[in-house]
Amino acid sequence: MMTVENAKMRLNDLIMEREELTKLIGKEMNYEISDSAKTSVIATVDFLTDEIATLKEILKELD
């Protein structure tokens, strides 16, 4: 069974992982890529940004 403290630590880990992934994916915009690839990068970054916000809200609710 996961304790609240363990859940908070796991949420923080998930947030950090997604923030790093967002940075890495965002760097793809620095390269010469097609418009469709740019659209995909932007959509992925938007998705991850929304997910990070949701995870932060959940974490806040646990406090």
Protein backbone atom coordinates (compact mmCIF):
# COMPACT_ATOMS: atom_id res chain seq x y z
CA MET A 1 0.00 0.00 0.00
CA MET A 2 1.32 3.44 -0.94
CA THR A 3 1.46 6.01 1.80
CA VAL A 4 0.65 9.67 1.16
CA GLU A 5 4.32 10.54 1.54
CA ASN A 6 5.31 7.90 -1.01
CA ALA A 7 2.60 9.18 -3.35
CA LYS A 8 3.94 12.74 -3.01
CA MET A 9 7.49 11.58 -3.76
CA ARG A 10 6.30 9.61 -6.79
CA LEU A 11 4.28 12.58 -8.08
CA ASN A 12 7.33 14.83 -7.70
CA ASP A 13 9.39 12.29 -9.65
CA LEU A 14 6.76 12.13 -12.41
CA ILE A 15 6.65 15.93 -12.60
CA MET A 16 10.44 16.19 -12.86
CA GLU A 17 10.59 13.46 -15.51
CA ARG A 18 7.94 15.18 -17.63
CA GLU A 19 9.59 18.58 -17.24
CA GLU A 20 12.88 17.11 -18.48
CA LEU A 21 11.11 15.36 -21.34
CA THR A 22 9.37 18.62 -22.27
CA LYS A 23 12.75 20.40 -22.42
CA LEU A 24 14.30 17.64 -24.54
CA ILE A 25 11.38 17.53 -26.96
CA GLY A 26 11.28 21.33 -27.15
CA LYS A 27 14.92 21.34 -28.29
CA GLU A 28 13.80 19.58 -31.47
CA MET A 29 12.41 22.96 -32.57
CA ASN A 30 16.02 24.19 -32.88
CA TYR A 31 16.65 21.79 -35.75
CA GLU A 32 15.54 21.96 -39.35
CA ILE A 33 12.41 19.85 -39.21
CA SER A 34 9.30 19.75 -41.35
CA ASP A 35 6.17 21.70 -40.50
CA SER A 36 4.35 18.48 -39.65
CA ALA A 37 7.16 17.51 -37.27
CA LYS A 38 6.98 20.97 -35.67
CA THR A 39 3.23 20.55 -35.22
CA SER A 40 3.85 17.18 -33.56
CA VAL A 41 6.52 18.63 -31.25
CA ILE A 42 4.22 21.50 -30.23
CA ALA A 43 1.31 19.10 -29.59
CA THR A 44 3.51 16.83 -27.48
CA VAL A 45 4.88 19.73 -25.45
CA ASP A 46 1.34 21.04 -24.92
CA PHE A 47 0.18 17.60 -23.79
CA LEU A 48 3.09 17.23 -21.35
CA THR A 49 2.57 20.76 -20.03
CA ASP A 50 -1.08 19.96 -19.31
CA GLU A 51 -0.08 16.68 -17.68
CA ILE A 52 2.47 18.45 -15.48
CA ALA A 53 -0.18 20.95 -14.38
CA THR A 54 -2.57 18.10 -13.53
CA LEU A 55 0.09 16.26 -11.52
CA LYS A 56 0.90 19.47 -9.64
CA GLU A 57 -2.79 19.93 -8.83
CA ILE A 58 -2.99 16.37 -7.49
CA LEU A 59 0.13 16.95 -5.41
CA LYS A 60 -1.34 20.17 -4.02
CA GLU A 61 -4.53 18.30 -3.04
CA LEU A 62 -2.44 15.84 -1.03
CA ASP A 63 -0.93 18.59 1.12
